[in-house]
Amino acid sequence: KGKSCFAFAAPTDVQPDADDDTTIVQPDVFVICDEKKMEDPKRIIGAP
């Protein structure tokens, strides 16, 4: 479909709330459609 989304699989770190530094999860499979959430080299920052 030529979408800008991407489906990731674990183990990929996700910080689902940029303002919360007490949560990091590794969902089995997840989709991110906002490229800004993928800018950090260590982890996804923002909710899938």
ModelCIF file with pLDDT and N, C-alpha, C, O atoms, coordinates in Angstrom:
data_MODEL
#
_entry.id   MODEL 
#
_entity.id                         1 
_entity.type                       polymer 
_entity.pdbx_number_of_molecules   1 
#
_entity_poly.entity_id                      1 
_entity_poly.type                           'polypeptide(L)' 
_entity_poly.nstd_linkage                   no 
_entity_poly.nstd_monomer                   no 
_entity_poly.pdbx_seq_one_letter_code       KGKSCFAFAAPTDVQPDADDDTTIVQPDVFVICDEKKMEDPKRIIGAP 
_entity_poly.pdbx_seq_one_letter_code_can   KGKSCFAFAAPTDVQPDADDDTTIVQPDVFVICDEKKMEDPKRIIGAP 
_entity_poly.pdbx_strand_id                 A 
#
loop_
_entity_poly_seq.entity_id 
_entity_poly_seq.num 
_entity_poly_seq.mon_id 
_entity_poly_seq.hetero 
1 1  LYS n 
1 2  GLY n 
1 3  LYS n 
1 4  SER n 
1 5  CYS n 
1 6  PHE n 
1 7  ALA n 
1 8  PHE n 
1 9  ALA n 
1 10 ALA n 
1 11 PRO n 
1 12 THR n 
1 13 ASP n 
1 14 VAL n 
1 15 GLN n 
1 16 PRO n 
1 17 ASP n 
1 18 ALA n 
1 19 ASP n 
1 20 ASP n 
1 21 ASP n 
1 22 THR n 
1 23 THR n 
1 24 ILE n 
1 25 VAL n 
1 26 GLN n 
1 27 PRO n 
1 28 ASP n 
1 29 VAL n 
1 30 PHE n 
1 31 VAL n 
1 32 ILE n 
1 33 CYS n 
1 34 ASP n 
1 35 GLU n 
1 36 LYS n 
1 37 LYS n 
1 38 MET n 
1 39 GLU n 
1 40 ASP n 
1 41 PRO n 
1 42 LYS n 
1 43 ARG n 
1 44 ILE n 
1 45 ILE n 
1 46 GLY n 
1 47 ALA n 
1 48 PRO n 
#
_struct_asym.id          A 
_struct_asym.entity_id   1 
#
loop_
_ma_qa_metric.id 
_ma_qa_metric.mode 
_ma_qa_metric.name 
_ma_qa_metric.software_group_id 
_ma_qa_metric.type 
1 global pLDDT . pLDDT 
2 local  pLDDT . pLDDT 
#
_ma_qa_metric_global.metric_id      1 
_ma_qa_metric_global.metric_value   94.17 
_ma_qa_metric_global.model_id       1 
_ma_qa_metric_global.ordinal_id     1 
#
loop_
_ma_qa_metric_local.label_asym_id 
_ma_qa_metric_local.label_comp_id 
_ma_qa_metric_local.label_seq_id 
_ma_qa_metric_local.metric_id 
_ma_qa_metric_local.metric_value 
_ma_qa_metric_local.model_id 
_ma_qa_metric_local.ordinal_id 
A LYS 1  2 89.00 1 1  
A GLY 2  2 88.00 1 2  
A LYS 3  2 84.00 1 3  
A SER 4  2 87.00 1 4  
A CYS 5  2 94.00 1 5  
A PHE 6  2 96.00 1 6  
A ALA 7  2 97.00 1 7  
A PHE 8  2 96.00 1 8  
A ALA 9  2 95.00 1 9  
A ALA 10 2 90.00 1 10 
A PRO 11 2 90.00 1 11 
A THR 12 2 94.00 1 12 
A ASP 13 2 96.00 1 13 
A VAL 14 2 97.00 1 14 
A GLN 15 2 97.00 1 15 
A PRO 16 2 95.00 1 16 
A ASP 17 2 95.00 1 17 
A ALA 18 2 94.00 1 18 
A ASP 19 2 94.00 1 19 
A ASP 20 2 93.00 1 20 
A ASP 21 2 93.00 1 21 
A THR 22 2 92.00 1 22 
A THR 23 2 94.00 1 23 
A ILE 24 2 94.00 1 24 
A VAL 25 2 94.00 1 25 
A GLN 26 2 94.00 1 26 
A PRO 27 2 94.00 1 27 
A ASP 28 2 95.00 1 28 
A VAL 29 2 97.00 1 29 
A PHE 30 2 97.00 1 30 
A VAL 31 2 97.00 1 31 
A ILE 32 2 97.00 1 32 
A CYS 33 2 94.00 1 33 
A ASP 34 2 94.00 1 34 
A GLU 35 2 93.00 1 35 
A LYS 36 2 95.00 1 36 
A LYS 37 2 96.00 1 37 
A MET 38 2 95.00 1 38 
A GLU 39 2 95.00 1 39 
A ASP 40 2 95.00 1 40 
A PRO 41 2 93.00 1 41 
A LYS 42 2 93.00 1 42 
A ARG 43 2 96.00 1 43 
A ILE 44 2 97.00 1 44 
A ILE 45 2 97.00 1 45 
A GLY 46 2 96.00 1 46 
A ALA 47 2 96.00 1 47 
A PRO 48 2 96.00 1 48 
#
loop_
_atom_site.group_PDB 
_atom_site.id 
_atom_site.type_symbol 
_atom_site.label_atom_id 
_atom_site.label_alt_id 
_atom_site.label_comp_id 
_atom_site.label_asym_id 
_atom_site.label_entity_id 
_atom_site.label_seq_id 
_atom_site.pdbx_PDB_ins_code 
_atom_site.Cartn_x 
_atom_site.Cartn_y 
_atom_site.Cartn_z 
_atom_site.occupancy 
_atom_site.B_iso_or_equiv 
_atom_site.pdbx_formal_charge 
_atom_site.auth_seq_id 
_atom_site.auth_comp_id 
_atom_site.auth_asym_id 
_atom_site.auth_atom_id 
_atom_site.pdbx_PDB_model_num 
ATOM 1   N N  . LYS A 1 1  ? 0.808  -1.219 0.000  1.00 89.00 ? 1  LYS A N  1 
ATOM 2   C CA . LYS A 1 1  ? 0.000  0.000  0.000  1.00 89.00 ? 1  LYS A CA 1 
ATOM 3   C C  . LYS A 1 1  ? 0.842  1.271  0.000  1.00 89.00 ? 1  LYS A C  1 
ATOM 4   O O  . LYS A 1 1  ? 0.305  2.374  -0.103 1.00 89.00 ? 1  LYS A O  1 
ATOM 5   N N  . GLY A 1 2  ? 2.149  1.121  0.114  1.00 88.00 ? 2  GLY A N  1 
ATOM 6   C CA . GLY A 1 2  ? 3.023  2.290  0.100  1.00 88.00 ? 2  GLY A CA 1 
ATOM 7   C C  . GLY A 1 2  ? 2.884  3.151  1.333  1.00 88.00 ? 2  GLY A C  1 
ATOM 8   O O  . GLY A 1 2  ? 3.080  4.364  1.271  1.00 88.00 ? 2  GLY A O  1 
ATOM 9   N N  . LYS A 1 3  ? 2.548  2.538  2.452  1.00 84.00 ? 3  LYS A N  1 
ATOM 10  C CA . LYS A 1 3  ? 2.378  3.283  3.701  1.00 84.00 ? 3  LYS A CA 1 
ATOM 11  C C  . LYS A 1 3  ? 3.737  3.537  4.349  1.00 84.00 ? 3  LYS A C  1 
ATOM 12  O O  . LYS A 1 3  ? 4.725  2.875  4.033  1.00 84.00 ? 3  LYS A O  1 
ATOM 13  N N  . SER A 1 4  ? 3.764  4.504  5.256  1.00 87.00 ? 4  SER A N  1 
ATOM 14  C CA . SER A 1 4  ? 5.008  4.821  5.964  1.00 87.00 ? 4  SER A CA 1 
ATOM 15  C C  . SER A 1 4  ? 5.121  4.095  7.294  1.00 87.00 ? 4  SER A C  1 
ATOM 16  O O  . SER A 1 4  ? 6.063  4.330  8.051  1.00 87.00 ? 4  SER A O  1 
ATOM 17  N N  . CYS A 1 5  ? 4.174  3.218  7.582  1.00 94.00 ? 5  CYS A N  1 
ATOM 18  C CA . CYS A 1 5  ? 4.211  2.458  8.834  1.00 94.00 ? 5  CYS A CA 1 
ATOM 19  C C  . CYS A 1 5  ? 5.271  1.357  8.757  1.00 94.00 ? 5  CYS A C  1 
ATOM 20  O O  . CYS A 1 5  ? 5.810  1.066  7.689  1.00 94.00 ? 5  CYS A O  1 
ATOM 21  N N  . PHE A 1 6  ? 5.558  0.749  9.927  1.00 96.00 ? 6  PHE A N  1 
ATOM 22  C CA . PHE A 1 6  ? 6.473  -0.391 9.962  1.00 96.00 ? 6  PHE A CA 1 
ATOM 23  C C  . PHE A 1 6  ? 6.060  -1.304 11.105 1.00 96.00 ? 6  PHE A C  1 
ATOM 24  O O  . PHE A 1 6  ? 5.744  -0.835 12.199 1.00 96.00 ? 6  PHE A O  1 
ATOM 25  N N  . ALA A 1 7  ? 6.063  -2.623 10.849 1.00 97.00 ? 7  ALA A N  1 
ATOM 26  C CA . ALA A 1 7  ? 5.749  -3.609 11.883 1.00 97.00 ? 7  ALA A CA 1 
ATOM 27  C C  . ALA A 1 7  ? 7.050  -4.149 12.474 1.00 97.00 ? 7  ALA A C  1 
ATOM 28  O O  . ALA A 1 7  ? 7.895  -4.681 11.754 1.00 97.00 ? 7  ALA A O  1 
ATOM 29  N N  . PHE A 1 8  ? 7.200  -4.011 13.767 1.00 96.00 ? 8  PHE A N  1 
ATOM 30  C CA . PHE A 1 8  ? 8.368  -4.489 14.498 1.00 96.00 ? 8  PHE A CA 1 
ATOM 31  C C  . PHE A 1 8  ? 8.034  -5.776 15.239 1.00 96.00 ? 8  PHE A C  1 
ATOM 32  O O  . PHE A 1 8  ? 6.866  -6.092 15.460 1.00 96.00 ? 8  PHE A O  1 
ATOM 33  N N  . ALA A 1 9  ? 9.072  -6.513 15.618 1.00 95.00 ? 9  ALA A N  1 
ATOM 34  C CA . ALA A 1 9  ? 8.899  -7.686 16.477 1.00 95.00 ? 9  ALA A CA 1 
ATOM 35  C C  . ALA A 1 9  ? 9.896  -7.605 17.625 1.00 95.00 ? 9  ALA A C  1 
ATOM 36  O O  . ALA A 1 9  ? 10.941 -6.964 17.511 1.00 95.00 ? 9  ALA A O  1 
ATOM 37  N N  . ALA A 1 10 ? 9.562  -8.262 18.730 1.00 90.00 ? 10 ALA A N  1 
ATOM 38  C CA . ALA A 1 10 ? 10.450 -8.293 19.892 1.00 90.00 ? 10 ALA A CA 1 
ATOM 39  C C  . ALA A 1 10 ? 11.751 -9.032 19.536 1.00 90.00 ? 10 ALA A C  1 
ATOM 40  O O  . ALA A 1 10 ? 11.756 -9.908 18.672 1.00 90.00 ? 10 ALA A O  1 
ATOM 41  N N  . PRO A 1 11 ? 12.851 -8.669 20.212 1.00 90.00 ? 11 PRO A N  1 
ATOM 42  C CA . PRO A 1 11 ? 12.921 -7.682 21.284 1.00 90.00 ? 11 PRO A CA 1 
ATOM 43  C C  . PRO A 1 11 ? 13.262 -6.280 20.771 1.00 90.00 ? 11 PRO A C  1 
ATOM 44  O O  . PRO A 1 11 ? 14.396 -6.022 20.366 1.00 90.00 ? 11 PRO A O  1 
ATOM 45  N N  . THR A 1 12 ? 12.291 -5.391 20.789 1.00 94.00 ? 12 THR A N  1 
ATOM 46  C CA . THR A 1 12 ? 12.492 -3.986 20.460 1.00 94.00 ? 12 THR A CA 1 
ATOM 47  C C  . THR A 1 12 ? 11.933 -3.159 21.605 1.00 94.00 ? 12 THR A C  1 
ATOM 48  O O  . THR A 1 12 ? 10.767 -3.312 21.968 1.00 94.00 ? 12 THR A O  1 
ATOM 49  N N  . ASP A 1 13 ? 12.746 -2.289 22.175 1.00 96.00 ? 13 ASP A N  1 
ATOM 50  C CA . ASP A 1 13 ? 12.308 -1.485 23.304 1.00 96.00 ? 13 ASP A CA 1 
ATOM 51  C C  . ASP A 1 13 ? 11.308 -0.419 22.864 1.00 96.00 ? 13 ASP A C  1 
ATOM 52  O O  . ASP A 1 13 ? 11.488 0.249  21.846 1.00 96.00 ? 13 ASP A O  1 
ATOM 53  N N  . VAL A 1 14 ? 10.248 -0.281 23.663 1.00 97.00 ? 14 VAL A N  1 
ATOM 54  C CA . VAL A 1 14 ? 9.245  0.752  23.416 1.00 97.00 ? 14 VAL A CA 1 
ATOM 55  C C  . VAL A 1 14 ? 9.004  1.518  24.712 1.00 97.00 ? 14 VAL A C  1 
ATOM 56  O O  . VAL A 1 14 ? 8.628  0.938  25.731 1.00 97.00 ? 14 VAL A O  1 
ATOM 57  N N  . GLN A 1 15 ? 9.224  2.812  24.659 1.00 97.00 ? 15 GLN A N  1 
ATOM 58  C CA . GLN A 1 15 ? 8.830  3.705  25.758 1.00 97.00 ? 15 GLN A CA 1 
ATOM 59  C C  . GLN A 1 15 ? 7.503  4.330  25.334 1.00 97.00 ? 15 GLN A C  1 
ATOM 60  O O  . GLN A 1 15 ? 7.503  5.321  24.604 1.00 97.00 ? 15 GLN A O  1 
ATOM 61  N N  . PRO A 1 16 ? 6.370  3.774  25.772 1.00 95.00 ? 16 PRO A N  1 
ATOM 62  C CA . PRO A 1 16 ? 5.086  4.177  25.198 1.00 95.00 ? 16 PRO A CA 1 
ATOM 63  C C  . PRO A 1 16 ? 4.652  5.589  25.539 1.00 95.00 ? 16 PRO A C  1 
ATOM 64  O O  . PRO A 1 16 ? 3.824  6.169  24.836 1.00 95.00 ? 16 PRO A O  1 
ATOM 65  N N  . ASP A 1 17 ? 5.200  6.150  26.611 1.00 95.00 ? 17 ASP A N  1 
ATOM 66  C CA . ASP A 1 17 ? 4.878  7.526  26.992 1.00 95.00 ? 17 ASP A CA 1 
ATOM 67  C C  . ASP A 1 17 ? 6.188  8.281  27.140 1.00 95.00 ? 17 ASP A C  1 
ATOM 68  O O  . ASP A 1 17 ? 6.994  7.965  28.016 1.00 95.00 ? 17 ASP A O  1 
ATOM 69  N N  . ALA A 1 18 ? 6.403  9.268  26.297 1.00 94.00 ? 18 ALA A N  1 
ATOM 70  C CA . ALA A 1 18 ? 7.671  10.001 26.304 1.00 94.00 ? 18 ALA A CA 1 
ATOM 71  C C  . ALA A 1 18 ? 7.932  10.703 27.627 1.00 94.00 ? 18 ALA A C  1 
ATOM 72  O O  . ALA A 1 18 ? 9.084  10.983 27.959 1.00 94.00 ? 18 ALA A O  1 
ATOM 73  N N  . ASP A 1 19 ? 6.887  10.990 28.383 1.00 94.00 ? 19 ASP A N  1 
ATOM 74  C CA . ASP A 1 19 ? 7.030  11.707 29.651 1.00 94.00 ? 19 ASP A CA 1 
ATOM 75  C C  . ASP A 1 19 ? 7.163  10.776 30.847 1.00 94.00 ? 19 ASP A C  1 
ATOM 76  O O  . ASP A 1 19 ? 7.294  11.239 31.980 1.00 94.00 ? 19 ASP A O  1 
ATOM 77  N N  . ASP A 1 20 ? 7.131  9.475  30.610 1.00 93.00 ? 20 ASP A N  1 
ATOM 78  C CA . ASP A 1 20 ? 7.203  8.499  31.694 1.00 93.00 ? 20 ASP A CA 1 
ATOM 79  C C  . ASP A 1 20 ? 8.489  7.692  31.557 1.00 93.00 ? 20 ASP A C  1 
ATOM 80  O O  . ASP A 1 20 ? 8.624  6.897  30.626 1.00 93.00 ? 20 ASP A O  1 
ATOM 81  N N  . ASP A 1 21 ? 9.435  7.888  32.476 1.00 93.00 ? 21 ASP A N  1 
ATOM 82  C CA . ASP A 1 21 ? 10.709 7.175  32.390 1.00 93.00 ? 21 ASP A CA 1 
ATOM 83  C C  . ASP A 1 21 ? 10.715 5.928  33.270 1.00 93.00 ? 21 ASP A C  1 
ATOM 84  O O  . ASP A 1 21 ? 11.783 5.412  33.599 1.00 93.00 ? 21 ASP A O  1 
ATOM 85  N N  . THR A 1 22 ? 9.522  5.430  33.658 1.00 92.00 ? 22 THR A N  1 
ATOM 86  C CA . THR A 1 22 ? 9.445  4.233  34.490 1.00 92.00 ? 22 THR A CA 1 
ATOM 87  C C  . THR A 1 22 ? 8.845  3.048  33.734 1.00 92.00 ? 22 THR A C  1 
ATOM 88  O O  . THR A 1 22 ? 8.540  2.020  34.339 1.00 92.00 ? 22 THR A O  1 
ATOM 89  N N  . THR A 1 23 ? 8.674  3.181  32.419 1.00 94.00 ? 23 THR A N  1 
ATOM 90  C CA . THR A 1 23 ? 8.082  2.087  31.653 1.00 94.00 ? 23 THR A CA 1 
ATOM 91  C C  . THR A 1 23 ? 8.807  1.885  30.326 1.00 94.00 ? 23 THR A C  1 
ATOM 92  O O  . THR A 1 23 ? 8.933  2.804  29.517 1.00 94.00 ? 23 THR A O  1 
ATOM 93  N N  . ILE A 1 24 ? 9.282  0.652  30.128 1.00 94.00 ? 24 ILE A N  1 
ATOM 94  C CA . ILE A 1 24 ? 9.835  0.194  28.842 1.00 94.00 ? 24 ILE A CA 1 
ATOM 95  C C  . ILE A 1 24 ? 9.288  -1.210 28.605 1.00 94.00 ? 24 ILE A C  1 
ATOM 96  O O  . ILE A 1 24 ? 9.461  -2.094 29.444 1.00 94.00 ? 24 ILE A O  1 
ATOM 97  N N  . VAL A 1 25 ? 8.633  -1.416 27.476 1.00 94.00 ? 25 VAL A N  1 
ATOM 98  C CA . VAL A 1 25 ? 8.076  -2.735 27.165 1.00 94.00 ? 25 VAL A CA 1 
ATOM 99  C C  . VAL A 1 25 ? 8.655  -3.256 25.856 1.00 94.00 ? 25 VAL A C  1 
ATOM 100 O O  . VAL A 1 25 ? 9.234  -2.503 25.073 1.00 94.00 ? 25 VAL A O  1 
ATOM 101 N N  . GLN A 1 26 ? 8.491  -4.551 25.634 1.00 94.00 ? 26 GLN A N  1 
ATOM 102 C CA . GLN A 1 26 ? 8.928  -5.195 24.388 1.00 94.00 ? 26 GLN A CA 1 
ATOM 103 C C  . GLN A 1 26 ? 7.759  -6.006 23.828 1.00 94.00 ? 26 GLN A C  1 
ATOM 104 O O  . GLN A 1 26 ? 7.717  -7.225 23.997 1.00 94.00 ? 26 GLN A O  1 
ATOM 105 N N  . PRO A 1 27 ? 6.809  -5.343 23.163 1.00 94.00 ? 27 PRO A N  1 
ATOM 106 C CA . PRO A 1 27 ? 5.670  -6.092 22.600 1.00 94.00 ? 27 PRO A CA 1 
ATOM 107 C C  . PRO A 1 27 ? 6.149  -7.140 21.607 1.00 94.00 ? 27 PRO A C  1 
ATOM 108 O O  . PRO A 1 27 ? 7.176  -6.962 20.952 1.00 94.00 ? 27 PRO A O  1 
ATOM 109 N N  . ASP A 1 28 ? 5.398  -8.236 21.497 1.00 95.00 ? 28 ASP A N  1 
ATOM 110 C CA . ASP A 1 28 ? 5.789  -9.293 20.567 1.00 95.00 ? 28 ASP A CA 1 
ATOM 111 C C  . ASP A 1 28 ? 5.788  -8.798 19.123 1.00 95.00 ? 28 ASP A C  1 
ATOM 112 O O  . ASP A 1 28 ? 6.736  -9.040 18.376 1.00 95.00 ? 28 ASP A O  1 
ATOM 113 N N  . VAL A 1 29 ? 4.720  -8.105 18.736 1.00 97.00 ? 29 VAL A N  1 
ATOM 114 C CA . VAL A 1 29 ? 4.620  -7.485 17.411 1.00 97.00 ? 29 VAL A CA 1 
ATOM 115 C C  . VAL A 1 29 ? 3.884  -6.151 17.595 1.00 97.00 ? 29 VAL A C  1 
ATOM 116 O O  . VAL A 1 29 ? 2.924  -6.066 18.361 1.00 97.00 ? 29 VAL A O  1 
ATOM 117 N N  . PHE A 1 30 ? 4.341  -5.118 16.889 1.00 97.00 ? 30 PHE A N  1 
ATOM 118 C CA . PHE A 1 30 ? 3.638  -3.836 16.988 1.00 97.00 ? 30 PHE A CA 1 
ATOM 119 C C  . PHE A 1 30 ? 3.884  -3.007 15.736 1.00 97.00 ? 30 PHE A C  1 
ATOM 120 O O  . PHE A 1 30 ? 4.849  -3.223 15.003 1.00 97.00 ? 30 PHE A O  1 
ATOM 121 N N  . VAL A 1 31 ? 2.984  -2.051 15.509 1.00 97.00 ? 31 VAL A N  1 
ATOM 122 C CA . VAL A 1 31 ? 3.055  -1.207 14.316 1.00 97.00 ? 31 VAL A CA 1 
ATOM 123 C C  . VAL A 1 31 ? 3.203  0.257  14.729 1.00 97.00 ? 31 VAL A C  1 
ATOM 124 O O  . VAL A 1 31 ? 2.475  0.761  15.585 1.00 97.00 ? 31 VAL A O  1 
ATOM 125 N N  . ILE A 1 32 ? 4.167  0.921  14.095 1.00 97.00 ? 32 ILE A N  1 
ATOM 126 C CA . ILE A 1 32 ? 4.392  2.355  14.288 1.00 97.00 ? 32 ILE A CA 1 
ATOM 127 C C  . ILE A 1 32 ? 4.168  3.055  12.954 1.00 97.00 ? 32 ILE A C  1 
ATOM 128 O O  . ILE A 1 32 ? 4.698  2.629  11.928 1.00 97.00 ? 32 ILE A O  1 
ATOM 129 N N  . CYS A 1 33 ? 3.386  4.127  12.970 1.00 94.00 ? 33 CYS A N  1 
ATOM 130 C CA . CYS A 1 33 ? 3.112  4.878  11.734 1.00 94.00 ? 33 CYS A CA 1 
ATOM 131 C C  . CYS A 1 33 ? 3.622  6.318  11.792 1.00 94.00 ? 33 CYS A C  1 
ATOM 132 O O  . CYS A 1 33 ? 3.527  7.051  10.808 1.00 94.00 ? 33 CYS A O  1 
ATOM 133 N N  . ASP A 1 34 ? 4.155  6.717  12.930 1.00 94.00 ? 34 ASP A N  1 
ATOM 134 C CA . ASP A 1 34 ? 4.689  8.070  13.091 1.00 94.00 ? 34 ASP A CA 1 
ATOM 135 C C  . ASP A 1 34 ? 6.215  7.966  13.093 1.00 94.00 ? 34 ASP A C  1 
ATOM 136 O O  . ASP A 1 34 ? 6.806  7.426  14.028 1.00 94.00 ? 34 ASP A O  1 
ATOM 137 N N  . GLU A 1 35 ? 6.845  8.486  12.039 1.00 93.00 ? 35 GLU A N  1 
ATOM 138 C CA . GLU A 1 35 ? 8.295  8.352  11.901 1.00 93.00 ? 35 GLU A CA 1 
ATOM 139 C C  . GLU A 1 35 ? 9.056  9.017  13.052 1.00 93.00 ? 35 GLU A C  1 
ATOM 140 O O  . GLU A 1 35 ? 10.162 8.596  13.388 1.00 93.00 ? 35 GLU A O  1 
ATOM 141 N N  . LYS A 1 36 ? 8.474  10.040 13.648 1.00 95.00 ? 36 LYS A N  1 
ATOM 142 C CA . LYS A 1 36 ? 9.140  10.719 14.759 1.00 95.00 ? 36 LYS A CA 1 
ATOM 143 C C  . LYS A 1 36 ? 9.353  9.769  15.939 1.00 95.00 ? 36 LYS A C  1 
ATOM 144 O O  . LYS A 1 36 ? 10.307 9.920  16.702 1.00 95.00 ? 36 LYS A O  1 
ATOM 145 N N  . LYS A 1 37 ? 8.458  8.791  16.080 1.00 96.00 ? 37 LYS A N  1 
ATOM 146 C CA . LYS A 1 37 ? 8.583  7.835  17.184 1.00 96.00 ? 37 LYS A CA 1 
ATOM 147 C C  . LYS A 1 37 ? 9.745  6.879  16.969 1.00 96.00 ? 37 LYS A C  1 
ATOM 148 O O  . LYS A 1 37 ? 10.163 6.191  17.900 1.00 96.00 ? 37 LYS A O  1 
ATOM 149 N N  . MET A 1 38 ? 10.277 6.829  15.738 1.00 95.00 ? 38 MET A N  1 
ATOM 150 C CA . MET A 1 38 ? 11.363 5.904  15.408 1.00 95.00 ? 38 MET A CA 1 
ATOM 151 C C  . MET A 1 38 ? 12.718 6.590  15.305 1.00 95.00 ? 38 MET A C  1 
ATOM 152 O O  . MET A 1 38 ? 13.687 5.973  14.864 1.00 95.00 ? 38 MET A O  1 
ATOM 153 N N  . GLU A 1 39 ? 12.802 7.849  15.703 1.00 95.00 ? 39 GLU A N  1 
ATOM 154 C CA . GLU A 1 39 ? 14.031 8.607  15.519 1.00 95.00 ? 39 GLU A CA 1 
ATOM 155 C C  . GLU A 1 39 ? 15.125 8.241  16.504 1.00 95.00 ? 39 GLU A C  1 
ATOM 156 O O  . GLU A 1 39 ? 16.306 8.330  16.169 1.00 95.00 ? 39 GLU A O  1 
ATOM 157 N N  . ASP A 1 40 ? 14.759 7.829  17.717 1.00 95.00 ? 40 ASP A N  1 
ATOM 158 C CA . ASP A 1 40 ? 15.768 7.486  18.727 1.00 95.00 ? 40 ASP A CA 1 
ATOM 159 C C  . ASP A 1 40 ? 16.401 6.138  18.363 1.00 95.00 ? 40 ASP A C  1 
ATOM 160 O O  . ASP A 1 40 ? 15.674 5.185  18.082 1.00 95.00 ? 40 ASP A O  1 
ATOM 161 N N  . PRO A 1 41 ? 17.736 6.033  18.360 1.00 93.00 ? 41 PRO A N  1 
ATOM 162 C CA . PRO A 1 41 ? 18.383 4.778  17.956 1.00 93.00 ? 41 PRO A CA 1 
ATOM 163 C C  . PRO A 1 41 ? 18.217 3.650  18.963 1.00 93.00 ? 41 PRO A C  1 
ATOM 164 O O  . PRO A 1 41 ? 18.379 2.483  18.604 1.00 93.00 ? 41 PRO A O  1 
ATOM 165 N N  . LYS A 1 42 ? 17.896 3.969  20.219 1.00 93.00 ? 42 LYS A N  1 
ATOM 166 C CA . LYS A 1 42 ? 17.788 2.946  21.254 1.00 93.00 ? 42 LYS A CA 1 
ATOM 167 C C  . LYS A 1 42 ? 16.406 2.320  21.325 1.00 93.00 ? 42 LYS A C  1 
ATOM 168 O O  . LYS A 1 42 ? 16.282 1.120  21.568 1.00 93.00 ? 42 LYS A O  1 
ATOM 169 N N  . ARG A 1 43 ? 15.358 3.121  21.114 1.00 96.00 ? 43 ARG A N  1 
ATOM 170 C CA . ARG A 1 43 ? 14.014 2.646  21.408 1.00 96.00 ? 43 ARG A CA 1 
ATOM 171 C C  . ARG A 1 43 ? 12.973 3.441  20.638 1.00 96.00 ? 43 ARG A C  1 
ATOM 172 O O  . ARG A 1 43 ? 13.240 4.541  20.153 1.00 96.00 ? 43 ARG A O  1 
ATOM 173 N N  . ILE A 1 44 ? 11.793 2.870  20.536 1.00 97.00 ? 44 ILE A N  1 
ATOM 174 C CA . ILE A 1 44 ? 10.631 3.589  20.045 1.00 97.00 ? 44 ILE A CA 1 
ATOM 175 C C  . ILE A 1 44 ? 10.127 4.467  21.177 1.00 97.00 ? 44 ILE A C  1 
ATOM 176 O O  . ILE A 1 44 ? 10.009 4.009  22.314 1.00 97.00 ? 44 ILE A O  1 
ATOM 177 N N  . ILE A 1 45 ? 9.830  5.721  20.878 1.00 97.00 ? 45 ILE A N  1 
ATOM 178 C CA . ILE A 1 45 ? 9.310  6.624  21.904 1.00 97.00 ? 45 ILE A CA 1 
ATOM 179 C C  . ILE A 1 45 ? 7.919  7.081  21.476 1.00 97.00 ? 45 ILE A C  1 
ATOM 180 O O  . ILE A 1 45 ? 7.765  7.869  20.543 1.00 97.00 ? 45 ILE A O  1 
ATOM 181 N N  . GLY A 1 46 ? 6.918  6.572  22.174 1.00 96.00 ? 46 GLY A N  1 
ATOM 182 C CA . GLY A 1 46 ? 5.535  6.887  21.841 1.00 96.00 ? 46 GLY A CA 1 
ATOM 183 C C  . GLY A 1 46 ? 4.731  5.605  21.690 1.00 96.00 ? 46 GLY A C  1 
ATOM 184 O O  . GLY A 1 46 ? 5.295  4.536  21.458 1.00 96.00 ? 46 GLY A O  1 
ATOM 185 N N  . ALA A 1 47 ? 3.425  5.712  21.820 1.00 96.00 ? 47 ALA A N  1 
ATOM 186 C CA . ALA A 1 47 ? 2.557  4.532  21.779 1.00 96.00 ? 47 ALA A CA 1 
ATOM 187 C C  . ALA A 1 47 ? 2.415  3.999  20.360 1.00 96.00 ? 47 ALA A C  1 
ATOM 188 O O  . ALA A 1 47 ? 2.170  4.775  19.436 1.00 96.00 ? 47 ALA A O  1 
ATOM 189 N N  . PRO A 1 48 ? 2.564  2.678  20.167 1.00 96.00 ? 48 PRO A N  1 
ATOM 190 C CA . PRO A 1 48 ? 2.289  2.080  18.854 1.00 96.00 ? 48 PRO A CA 1 
ATOM 191 C C  . PRO A 1 48 ? 0.798  2.205  18.514 1.00 96.00 ? 48 PRO A C  1 
ATOM 192 O O  . PRO A 1 48 ? 0.368  1.761  17.450 1.00 96.00 ? 48 PRO A O  1 
#
